[in-house]
Amino acid sequence: RLGEKVVAMFTIGAAGTPLYRSHPDPYYGQSDPRAIMSAYGTLLGE
């Protein structure tokens, strides 16, 4: 979004787990982990 010369460095804190993950379920099905990853990237990036 800001240009390829910008560098965004991600560091890990005292970590928990993502609220939204792809879990297989016989009733709810399984979400696409790539879509969830993209959503996290957009929301946290913004």
All heavy atoms as atom14 arrays in JSON, in Angstrom:
{
  "sequence": "RLGEKVVAMFTIGAAGTPLYRSHPDPYYGQSDPRAIMSAYGTLLGE",
  "atom14_mask": [
    [1, 1, 1, 1, 1, 1, 1, 1, 1, 1, 1, 0, 0, 0],
    [1, 1, 1, 1, 1, 1, 1, 1, 0, 0, 0, 0, 0, 0],
    [1, 1, 1, 1, 0, 0, 0, 0, 0, 0, 0, 0, 0, 0],
    [1, 1, 1, 1, 1, 1, 1, 1, 1, 0, 0, 0, 0, 0],
    [1, 1, 1, 1, 1, 1, 1, 1, 1, 0, 0, 0, 0, 0],
    [1, 1, 1, 1, 1, 1, 1, 0, 0, 0, 0, 0, 0, 0],
    [1, 1, 1, 1, 1, 1, 1, 0, 0, 0, 0, 0, 0, 0],
    [1, 1, 1, 1, 1, 0, 0, 0, 0, 0, 0, 0, 0, 0],
    [1, 1, 1, 1, 1, 1, 1, 1, 0, 0, 0, 0, 0, 0],
    [1, 1, 1, 1, 1, 1, 1, 1, 1, 1, 1, 0, 0, 0],
    [1, 1, 1, 1, 1, 1, 1, 0, 0, 0, 0, 0, 0, 0],
    [1, 1, 1, 1, 1, 1, 1, 1, 0, 0, 0, 0, 0, 0],
    [1, 1, 1, 1, 0, 0, 0, 0, 0, 0, 0, 0, 0, 0],
    [1, 1, 1, 1, 1, 0, 0, 0, 0, 0, 0, 0, 0, 0],
    [1, 1, 1, 1, 1, 0, 0, 0, 0, 0, 0, 0, 0, 0],
    [1, 1, 1, 1, 0, 0, 0, 0, 0, 0, 0, 0, 0, 0],
    [1, 1, 1, 1, 1, 1, 1, 0, 0, 0, 0, 0, 0, 0],
    [1, 1, 1, 1, 1, 1, 1, 0, 0, 0, 0, 0, 0, 0],
    [1, 1, 1, 1, 1, 1, 1, 1, 0, 0, 0, 0, 0, 0],
    [1, 1, 1, 1, 1, 1, 1, 1, 1, 1, 1, 1, 0, 0],
    [1, 1, 1, 1, 1, 1, 1, 1, 1, 1, 1, 0, 0, 0],
    [1, 1, 1, 1, 1, 1, 0, 0, 0, 0, 0, 0, 0, 0],
    [1, 1, 1, 1, 1, 1, 1, 1, 1, 1, 0, 0, 0, 0],
    [1, 1, 1, 1, 1, 1, 1, 0, 0, 0, 0, 0, 0, 0],
    [1, 1, 1, 1, 1, 1, 1, 1, 0, 0, 0, 0, 0, 0],
    [1, 1, 1, 1, 1, 1, 1, 0, 0, 0, 0, 0, 0, 0],
    [1, 1, 1, 1, 1, 1, 1, 1, 1, 1, 1, 1, 0, 0],
    [1, 1, 1, 1, 1, 1, 1, 1, 1, 1, 1, 1, 0, 0],
    [1, 1, 1, 1, 0, 0, 0, 0, 0, 0, 0, 0, 0, 0],
    [1, 1, 1, 1, 1, 1, 1, 1, 1, 0, 0, 0, 0, 0],
    [1, 1, 1, 1, 1, 1, 0, 0, 0, 0, 0, 0, 0, 0],
    [1, 1, 1, 1, 1, 1, 1, 1, 0, 0, 0, 0, 0, 0],
    [1, 1, 1, 1, 1, 1, 1, 0, 0, 0, 0, 0, 0, 0],
    [1, 1, 1, 1, 1, 1, 1, 1, 1, 1, 1, 0, 0, 0],
    [1, 1, 1, 1, 1, 0, 0, 0, 0, 0, 0, 0, 0, 0],
    [1, 1, 1, 1, 1, 1, 1, 1, 0, 0, 0, 0, 0, 0],
    [1, 1, 1, 1, 1, 1, 1, 1, 0, 0, 0, 0, 0, 0],
    [1, 1, 1, 1, 1, 1, 0, 0, 0, 0, 0, 0, 0, 0],
    [1, 1, 1, 1, 1, 0, 0, 0, 0, 0, 0, 0, 0, 0],
    [1, 1, 1, 1, 1, 1, 1, 1, 1, 1, 1, 1, 0, 0],
    [1, 1, 1, 1, 0, 0, 0, 0, 0, 0, 0, 0, 0, 0],
    [1, 1, 1, 1, 1, 1, 1, 0, 0, 0, 0, 0, 0, 0],
    [1, 1, 1, 1, 1, 1, 1, 1, 0, 0, 0, 0, 0, 0],
    [1, 1, 1, 1, 1, 1, 1, 1, 0, 0, 0, 0, 0, 0],
    [1, 1, 1, 1, 0, 0, 0, 0, 0, 0, 0, 0, 0, 0],
    [1, 1, 1, 1, 1, 1, 1, 1, 1, 0, 0, 0, 0, 0]
  ],
  "atom14_positions": [
    [[0.81, -1.21, 0.0], [0.0, 0.0, 0.0], [0.85, 1.26, 0.0], [0.49, 2.26, -0.65], [-0.92, 0.0, 1.22], [-1.87, 1.18, 1.2], [-2.78, 1.26, 2.4], [-3.11, 2.65, 2.63], [-3.82, 3.11, 3.63], [-4.28, 2.26, 4.53], [-4.07, 4.38, 3.77], [0.0, 0.0, 0.0], [0.0, 0.0, 0.0], [0.0, 0.0, 0.0]],
    [[1.96, 1.24, 0.74], [2.76, 2.46, 0.89], [3.95, 2.52, -0.06], [4.63, 3.54, -0.13], [3.25, 2.59, 2.33], [2.15, 2.68, 3.39], [2.76, 2.86, 4.77], [1.18, 3.82, 3.08], [0.0, 0.0, 0.0], [0.0, 0.0, 0.0], [0.0, 0.0, 0.0], [0.0, 0.0, 0.0], [0.0, 0.0, 0.0], [0.0, 0.0, 0.0]],
    [[4.22, 1.44, -0.77], [5.32, 1.45, -1.72], [6.38, 0.44, -1.33], [6.67, 0.25, -0.14], [0.0, 0.0, 0.0], [0.0, 0.0, 0.0], [0.0, 0.0, 0.0], [0.0, 0.0, 0.0], [0.0, 0.0, 0.0], [0.0, 0.0, 0.0], [0.0, 0.0, 0.0], [0.0, 0.0, 0.0], [0.0, 0.0, 0.0], [0.0, 0.0, 0.0]],
    [[6.97, -0.21, -2.31], [7.88, -1.31, -2.05], [9.15, -0.89, -1.32], [9.85, -1.72, -0.75], [8.25, -2.0, -3.37], [7.15, -2.88, -3.93], [6.76, -4.0, -2.96], [7.65, -4.69, -2.45], [5.55, -4.16, -2.7], [0.0, 0.0, 0.0], [0.0, 0.0, 0.0], [0.0, 0.0, 0.0], [0.0, 0.0, 0.0], [0.0, 0.0, 0.0]],
    [[9.49, 0.4, -1.33], [10.68, 0.83, -0.59], [10.43, 0.92, 0.91], [11.38, 1.0, 1.69], [11.17, 2.17, -1.13], [11.78, 2.08, -2.53], [12.41, 3.4, -2.95], [13.07, 3.25, -4.32], [13.72, 4.52, -4.75], [0.0, 0.0, 0.0], [0.0, 0.0, 0.0], [0.0, 0.0, 0.0], [0.0, 0.0, 0.0], [0.0, 0.0, 0.0]],
    [[9.17, 0.92, 1.31], [8.82, 0.89, 2.73], [9.0, -0.53, 3.25], [8.59, -1.5, 2.61], [7.37, 1.36, 2.96], [6.96, 1.14, 4.4], [7.22, 2.82, 2.57], [0.0, 0.0, 0.0], [0.0, 0.0, 0.0], [0.0, 0.0, 0.0], [0.0, 0.0, 0.0], [0.0, 0.0, 0.0], [0.0, 0.0, 0.0], [0.0, 0.0, 0.0]],
    [[9.63, -0.66, 4.41], [9.82, -1.97, 5.04], [8.99, -2.03, 6.31], [9.1, -1.15, 7.17], [11.31, -2.23, 5.35], [11.47, -3.47, 6.22], [12.1, -2.39, 4.05], [0.0, 0.0, 0.0], [0.0, 0.0, 0.0], [0.0, 0.0, 0.0], [0.0, 0.0, 0.0], [0.0, 0.0, 0.0], [0.0, 0.0, 0.0], [0.0, 0.0, 0.0]],
    [[8.14, -3.05, 6.42], [7.31, -3.26, 7.61], [7.77, -4.53, 8.3], [7.59, -5.63, 7.78], [5.84, -3.36, 7.22], [0.0, 0.0, 0.0], [0.0, 0.0, 0.0], [0.0, 0.0, 0.0], [0.0, 0.0, 0.0], [0.0, 0.0, 0.0], [0.0, 0.0, 0.0], [0.0, 0.0, 0.0], [0.0, 0.0, 0.0], [0.0, 0.0, 0.0]],
    [[8.4, -4.37, 9.45], [9.0, -5.48, 10.19], [8.08, -5.9, 11.33], [7.7, -5.09, 12.17], [10.36, -5.03, 10.73], [11.06, -6.03, 11.61], [12.68, -5.41, 12.16], [13.62, -5.59, 10.65], [0.0, 0.0, 0.0], [0.0, 0.0, 0.0], [0.0, 0.0, 0.0], [0.0, 0.0, 0.0], [0.0, 0.0, 0.0], [0.0, 0.0, 0.0]],
    [[7.73, -7.19, 11.38], [6.79, -7.72, 12.36], [7.55, -8.47, 13.43], [8.29, -9.41, 13.14], [5.8, -8.66, 11.66], [4.55, -8.96, 12.44], [3.34, -8.38, 12.09], [4.57, -9.81, 13.53], [2.18, -8.66, 12.79], [3.43, -10.1, 14.25], [2.22, -9.51, 13.88], [0.0, 0.0, 0.0], [0.0, 0.0, 0.0], [0.0, 0.0, 0.0]],
    [[7.36, -8.09, 14.71], [7.94, -8.83, 15.82], [6.84, -9.43, 16.68], [5.73, -8.9, 16.75], [8.84, -7.92, 16.69], [8.04, -6.91, 17.33], [9.92, -7.26, 15.84], [0.0, 0.0, 0.0], [0.0, 0.0, 0.0], [0.0, 0.0, 0.0], [0.0, 0.0, 0.0], [0.0, 0.0, 0.0], [0.0, 0.0, 0.0], [0.0, 0.0, 0.0]],
    [[7.18, -10.53, 17.35], [6.2, -11.29, 18.12], [6.32, -10.95, 19.6], [7.4, -11.03, 20.19], [6.41, -12.81, 17.94], [6.38, -13.18, 16.45], [5.37, -13.59, 18.72], [5.06, -12.98, 15.77], [0.0, 0.0, 0.0], [0.0, 0.0, 0.0], [0.0, 0.0, 0.0], [0.0, 0.0, 0.0], [0.0, 0.0, 0.0], [0.0, 0.0, 0.0]],
    [[5.2, -10.58, 20.23], [5.18, -10.28, 21.65], [4.92, -11.51, 22.5], [5.2, -12.64, 22.08], [0.0, 0.0, 0.0], [0.0, 0.0, 0.0], [0.0, 0.0, 0.0], [0.0, 0.0, 0.0], [0.0, 0.0, 0.0], [0.0, 0.0, 0.0], [0.0, 0.0, 0.0], [0.0, 0.0, 0.0], [0.0, 0.0, 0.0], [0.0, 0.0, 0.0]],
    [[4.4, -11.31, 23.71], [4.07, -12.41, 24.62], [2.79, -13.06, 24.1], [1.68, -12.67, 24.44], [3.9, -11.89, 26.05], [0.0, 0.0, 0.0], [0.0, 0.0, 0.0], [0.0, 0.0, 0.0], [0.0, 0.0, 0.0], [0.0, 0.0, 0.0], [0.0, 0.0, 0.0], [0.0, 0.0, 0.0], [0.0, 0.0, 0.0], [0.0, 0.0, 0.0]],
    [[2.96, -14.09, 23.3], [1.95, -14.46, 22.3], [0.8, -15.3, 22.82], [0.96, -16.23, 23.61], [2.63, -15.19, 21.15], [0.0, 0.0, 0.0], [0.0, 0.0, 0.0], [0.0, 0.0, 0.0], [0.0, 0.0, 0.0], [0.0, 0.0, 0.0], [0.0, 0.0, 0.0], [0.0, 0.0, 0.0], [0.0, 0.0, 0.0], [0.0, 0.0, 0.0]],
    [[-0.39, -14.95, 22.3], [-1.57, -15.77, 22.38], [-1.8, -16.44, 21.03], [-0.86, -16.62, 20.24], [0.0, 0.0, 0.0], [0.0, 0.0, 0.0], [0.0, 0.0, 0.0], [0.0, 0.0, 0.0], [0.0, 0.0, 0.0], [0.0, 0.0, 0.0], [0.0, 0.0, 0.0], [0.0, 0.0, 0.0], [0.0, 0.0, 0.0], [0.0, 0.0, 0.0]],
    [[-3.04, -16.77, 20.74], [-3.37, -17.47, 19.51], [-4.41, -16.68, 18.72], [-5.19, -15.92, 19.31], [-3.9, -18.88, 19.83], [-3.92, -19.69, 18.65], [-5.3, -18.83, 20.43], [0.0, 0.0, 0.0], [0.0, 0.0, 0.0], [0.0, 0.0, 0.0], [0.0, 0.0, 0.0], [0.0, 0.0, 0.0], [0.0, 0.0, 0.0], [0.0, 0.0, 0.0]],
    [[-4.45, -16.8, 17.4], [-5.47, -16.09, 16.62], [-6.88, -16.53, 17.02], [-7.13, -17.73, 17.23], [-5.16, -16.48, 15.18], [-3.72, -16.88, 15.18], [-3.49, -17.51, 16.52], [0.0, 0.0, 0.0], [0.0, 0.0, 0.0], [0.0, 0.0, 0.0], [0.0, 0.0, 0.0], [0.0, 0.0, 0.0], [0.0, 0.0, 0.0], [0.0, 0.0, 0.0]],
    [[-7.8, -15.56, 17.1], [-9.2, -15.89, 17.38], [-9.83, -16.68, 16.25], [-10.73, -17.5, 16.47], [-9.99, -14.6, 17.6], [-10.11, -14.06, 19.02], [-10.79, -12.7, 19.0], [-10.87, -15.02, 19.92], [0.0, 0.0, 0.0], [0.0, 0.0, 0.0], [0.0, 0.0, 0.0], [0.0, 0.0, 0.0], [0.0, 0.0, 0.0], [0.0, 0.0, 0.0]],
    [[-9.39, -16.41, 15.04], [-10.01, -17.01, 13.86], [-8.99, -17.89, 13.16], [-7.97, -17.42, 12.68], [-10.53, -15.92, 12.93], [-11.37, -14.9, 13.67], [-10.88, -13.64, 13.97], [-12.65, -15.23, 14.13], [-11.63, -12.72, 14.67], [-13.41, -14.33, 14.85], [-12.9, -13.07, 15.12], [-13.64, -12.17, 15.84], [0.0, 0.0, 0.0], [0.0, 0.0, 0.0]],
    [[-9.31, -19.19, 13.14], [-8.43, -20.16, 12.51], [-9.29, -21.14, 11.73], [-10.49, -21.25, 11.94], [-7.59, -20.88, 13.55], [-6.62, -19.97, 14.3], [-5.92, -20.68, 15.45], [-5.1, -21.78, 14.98], [-4.36, -22.55, 15.79], [-4.38, -22.33, 17.09], [-3.63, -23.53, 15.31], [0.0, 0.0, 0.0], [0.0, 0.0, 0.0], [0.0, 0.0, 0.0]],
    [[-8.66, -21.86, 10.85], [-9.38, -22.81, 10.01], [-9.44, -24.18, 10.7], [-8.42, -24.86, 10.83], [-8.67, -22.93, 8.65], [-9.35, -23.83, 7.82], [0.0, 0.0, 0.0], [0.0, 0.0, 0.0], [0.0, 0.0, 0.0], [0.0, 0.0, 0.0], [0.0, 0.0, 0.0], [0.0, 0.0, 0.0], [0.0, 0.0, 0.0], [0.0, 0.0, 0.0]],
    [[-10.63, -24.54, 11.18], [-10.82, -25.83, 11.86], [-11.85, -26.65, 11.09], [-12.95, -26.18, 10.82], [-11.34, -25.62, 13.29], [-10.41, -24.85, 14.17], [-9.22, -25.35, 14.62], [-10.5, -23.6, 14.67], [-8.61, -24.46, 15.37], [-9.37, -23.39, 15.42], [0.0, 0.0, 0.0], [0.0, 0.0, 0.0], [0.0, 0.0, 0.0], [0.0, 0.0, 0.0]],
    [[-11.52, -27.88, 10.73], [-12.53, -28.74, 10.09], [-13.65, -29.07, 11.05], [-13.41, -29.35, 12.23], [-11.72, -29.98, 9.7], [-10.54, -29.98, 10.62], [-10.23, -28.56, 10.9], [0.0, 0.0, 0.0], [0.0, 0.0, 0.0], [0.0, 0.0, 0.0], [0.0, 0.0, 0.0], [0.0, 0.0, 0.0], [0.0, 0.0, 0.0], [0.0, 0.0, 0.0]],
    [[-14.89, -29.01, 10.57], [-16.05, -29.29, 11.42], [-17.11, -29.94, 10.55], [-17.41, -29.45, 9.46], [-16.57, -27.98, 12.03], [-17.67, -28.23, 13.04], [-18.83, -28.48, 12.61], [-17.39, -28.17, 14.24], [0.0, 0.0, 0.0], [0.0, 0.0, 0.0], [0.0, 0.0, 0.0], [0.0, 0.0, 0.0], [0.0, 0.0, 0.0], [0.0, 0.0, 0.0]],
    [[-17.72, -31.03, 11.01], [-18.7, -31.74, 10.17], [-19.95, -30.94, 9.88], [-20.66, -31.23, 8.92], [-19.03, -33.0, 10.99], [-18.67, -32.64, 12.4], [-17.51, -31.71, 12.3], [0.0, 0.0, 0.0], [0.0, 0.0, 0.0], [0.0, 0.0, 0.0], [0.0, 0.0, 0.0], [0.0, 0.0, 0.0], [0.0, 0.0, 0.0], [0.0, 0.0, 0.0]],
    [[-20.25, -29.91, 10.7], [-21.47, -29.13, 10.51], [-21.19, -27.74, 9.94], [-21.94, -27.25, 9.1], [-22.23, -29.01, 11.84], [-22.62, -30.34, 12.42], [-21.93, -30.88, 13.5], [-23.66, -31.08, 11.87], [-22.28, -32.12, 14.02], [-24.01, -32.31, 12.38], [-23.32, -32.83, 13.47], [-23.66, -34.06, 13.97], [0.0, 0.0, 0.0], [0.0, 0.0, 0.0]],
    [[-20.1, -27.12, 10.4], [-19.79, -25.77, 9.96], [-18.82, -25.74, 8.79], [-18.56, -24.68, 8.21], [-19.21, -24.96, 11.13], [-20.23, -24.64, 12.2], [-20.39, -25.49, 13.3], [-21.03, -23.52, 12.12], [-21.32, -25.21, 14.28], [-21.96, -23.22, 13.1], [-22.1, -24.07, 14.18], [-23.03, -23.79, 15.15], [0.0, 0.0, 0.0], [0.0, 0.0, 0.0]],
    [[-18.25, -26.88, 8.46], [-17.3, -26.91, 7.37], [-15.95, -26.32, 7.78], [-15.69, -26.06, 8.95], [0.0, 0.0, 0.0], [0.0, 0.0, 0.0], [0.0, 0.0, 0.0], [0.0, 0.0, 0.0], [0.0, 0.0, 0.0], [0.0, 0.0, 0.0], [0.0, 0.0, 0.0], [0.0, 0.0, 0.0], [0.0, 0.0, 0.0], [0.0, 0.0, 0.0]],
    [[-15.09, -26.11, 6.79], [-13.76, -25.57, 7.06], [-13.53, -24.31, 6.24], [-13.73, -24.3, 5.03], [-12.67, -26.6, 6.73], [-11.26, -26.09, 7.02], [-10.23, -27.21, 6.95], [-10.57, -28.38, 6.98], [-8.96, -26.83, 6.86], [0.0, 0.0, 0.0], [0.0, 0.0, 0.0], [0.0, 0.0, 0.0], [0.0, 0.0, 0.0], [0.0, 0.0, 0.0]],
    [[-13.14, -23.23, 6.9], [-12.87, -21.99, 6.18], [-11.53, -22.07, 5.47], [-10.71, -22.96, 5.73], [-12.87, -20.81, 7.17], [-11.91, -21.04, 8.19], [0.0, 0.0, 0.0], [0.0, 0.0, 0.0], [0.0, 0.0, 0.0], [0.0, 0.0, 0.0], [0.0, 0.0, 0.0], [0.0, 0.0, 0.0], [0.0, 0.0, 0.0], [0.0, 0.0, 0.0]],
    [[-11.29, -21.12, 4.59], [-10.06, -21.07, 3.81], [-8.99, -20.34, 4.62], [-9.13, -19.14, 4.89], [-10.33, -20.35, 2.49], [-9.1, -20.31, 1.59], [-8.02, -20.78, 2.01], [-9.22, -19.8, 0.46], [0.0, 0.0, 0.0], [0.0, 0.0, 0.0], [0.0, 0.0, 0.0], [0.0, 0.0, 0.0], [0.0, 0.0, 0.0], [0.0, 0.0, 0.0]],
    [[-7.92, -21.01, 5.02], [-6.9, -20.33, 5.82], [-6.24, -19.17, 5.08], [-5.81, -18.21, 5.7], [-5.89, -21.44, 6.13], [-6.14, -22.5, 5.11], [-7.59, -22.42, 4.79], [0.0, 0.0, 0.0], [0.0, 0.0, 0.0], [0.0, 0.0, 0.0], [0.0, 0.0, 0.0], [0.0, 0.0, 0.0], [0.0, 0.0, 0.0], [0.0, 0.0, 0.0]],
    [[-6.2, -19.25, 3.75], [-5.61, -18.15, 2.98], [-6.46, -16.89, 3.09], [-5.95, -15.78, 3.17], [-5.44, -18.56, 1.52], [-4.54, -19.77, 1.31], [-4.62, -20.28, -0.13], [-3.98, -21.58, -0.28], [-4.56, -22.74, 0.03], [-5.8, -22.76, 0.52], [-3.91, -23.88, -0.14], [0.0, 0.0, 0.0], [0.0, 0.0, 0.0], [0.0, 0.0, 0.0]],
    [[-7.78, -17.08, 3.09], [-8.69, -15.94, 3.24], [-8.55, -15.31, 4.62], [-8.56, -14.09, 4.77], [-10.13, -16.38, 2.97], [0.0, 0.0, 0.0], [0.0, 0.0, 0.0], [0.0, 0.0, 0.0], [0.0, 0.0, 0.0], [0.0, 0.0, 0.0], [0.0, 0.0, 0.0], [0.0, 0.0, 0.0], [0.0, 0.0, 0.0], [0.0, 0.0, 0.0]],
    [[-8.43, -16.15, 5.64], [-8.25, -15.64, 7.0], [-6.93, -14.9, 7.11], [-6.86, -13.8, 7.69], [-8.32, -16.78, 8.03], [-9.68, -17.48, 7.97], [-8.07, -16.25, 9.43], [-9.79, -18.69, 8.87], [0.0, 0.0, 0.0], [0.0, 0.0, 0.0], [0.0, 0.0, 0.0], [0.0, 0.0, 0.0], [0.0, 0.0, 0.0], [0.0, 0.0, 0.0]],
    [[-5.88, -15.46, 6.54], [-4.57, -14.8, 6.56], [-4.64, -13.44, 5.88], [-4.11, -12.44, 6.39], [-3.52, -15.68, 5.87], [-2.13, -15.05, 5.81], [-0.89, -16.1, 5.03], [-1.45, -16.11, 3.32], [0.0, 0.0, 0.0], [0.0, 0.0, 0.0], [0.0, 0.0, 0.0], [0.0, 0.0, 0.0], [0.0, 0.0, 0.0], [0.0, 0.0, 0.0]],
    [[-5.29, -13.37, 4.75], [-5.43, -12.1, 4.04], [-6.2, -11.09, 4.86], [-5.85, -9.9, 4.9], [-6.12, -12.33, 2.69], [-6.32, -11.12, 2.01], [0.0, 0.0, 0.0], [0.0, 0.0, 0.0], [0.0, 0.0, 0.0], [0.0, 0.0, 0.0], [0.0, 0.0, 0.0], [0.0, 0.0, 0.0], [0.0, 0.0, 0.0], [0.0, 0.0, 0.0]],
    [[-7.26, -11.55, 5.55], [-8.05, -10.64, 6.38], [-7.22, -10.09, 7.53], [-7.27, -8.89, 7.84], [-9.28, -11.37, 6.91], [0.0, 0.0, 0.0], [0.0, 0.0, 0.0], [0.0, 0.0, 0.0], [0.0, 0.0, 0.0], [0.0, 0.0, 0.0], [0.0, 0.0, 0.0], [0.0, 0.0, 0.0], [0.0, 0.0, 0.0], [0.0, 0.0, 0.0]],
    [[-6.47, -10.96, 8.18], [-5.58, -10.5, 9.25], [-4.57, -9.5, 8.73], [-4.28, -8.49, 9.38], [-4.86, -11.69, 9.89], [-5.54, -12.26, 11.11], [-6.57, -13.2, 10.97], [-5.17, -11.87, 12.38], [-7.19, -13.74, 12.09], [-5.79, -12.41, 13.5], [-6.8, -13.33, 13.36], [-7.43, -13.86, 14.46], [0.0, 0.0, 0.0], [0.0, 0.0, 0.0]],
    [[-4.01, -9.78, 7.56], [-3.03, -8.86, 6.98], [-3.63, -7.49, 6.73], [-3.0, -6.46, 7.03], [0.0, 0.0, 0.0], [0.0, 0.0, 0.0], [0.0, 0.0, 0.0], [0.0, 0.0, 0.0], [0.0, 0.0, 0.0], [0.0, 0.0, 0.0], [0.0, 0.0, 0.0], [0.0, 0.0, 0.0], [0.0, 0.0, 0.0], [0.0, 0.0, 0.0]],
    [[-4.85, -7.47, 6.2], [-5.51, -6.19, 5.9], [-5.85, -5.44, 7.18], [-5.55, -4.24, 7.32], [-6.79, -6.43, 5.09], [-6.45, -7.09, 3.86], [-7.48, -5.12, 4.76], [0.0, 0.0, 0.0], [0.0, 0.0, 0.0], [0.0, 0.0, 0.0], [0.0, 0.0, 0.0], [0.0, 0.0, 0.0], [0.0, 0.0, 0.0], [0.0, 0.0, 0.0]],
    [[-6.48, -6.11, 8.14], [-6.92, -5.43, 9.36], [-5.74, -4.94, 10.2], [-5.71, -3.78, 10.63], [-7.8, -6.37, 10.18], [-9.17, -6.69, 9.59], [-9.85, -7.79, 10.39], [-10.05, -5.45, 9.57], [0.0, 0.0, 0.0], [0.0, 0.0, 0.0], [0.0, 0.0, 0.0], [0.0, 0.0, 0.0], [0.0, 0.0, 0.0], [0.0, 0.0, 0.0]],
    [[-4.77, -5.81, 10.43], [-3.61, -5.38, 11.22], [-2.78, -4.35, 10.46], [-2.26, -3.4, 11.06], [-2.76, -6.6, 11.58], [-3.19, -7.35, 12.84], [-2.49, -8.7, 12.94], [-2.91, -6.53, 14.08], [0.0, 0.0, 0.0], [0.0, 0.0, 0.0], [0.0, 0.0, 0.0], [0.0, 0.0, 0.0], [0.0, 0.0, 0.0], [0.0, 0.0, 0.0]],
    [[-2.66, -4.52, 9.15], [-1.93, -3.54, 8.35], [-2.57, -2.17, 8.42], [-1.88, -1.15, 8.59], [0.0, 0.0, 0.0], [0.0, 0.0, 0.0], [0.0, 0.0, 0.0], [0.0, 0.0, 0.0], [0.0, 0.0, 0.0], [0.0, 0.0, 0.0], [0.0, 0.0, 0.0], [0.0, 0.0, 0.0], [0.0, 0.0, 0.0], [0.0, 0.0, 0.0]],
    [[-3.89, -2.12, 8.33], [-4.59, -0.84, 8.43], [-4.43, -0.23, 9.83], [-4.28, 0.99, 9.97], [-6.07, -1.02, 8.1], [-6.36, -1.1, 6.62], [-6.07, 0.22, 5.91], [-6.33, 1.29, 6.48], [-5.56, 0.16, 4.77], [0.0, 0.0, 0.0], [0.0, 0.0, 0.0], [0.0, 0.0, 0.0], [0.0, 0.0, 0.0], [0.0, 0.0, 0.0]]
  ]
}
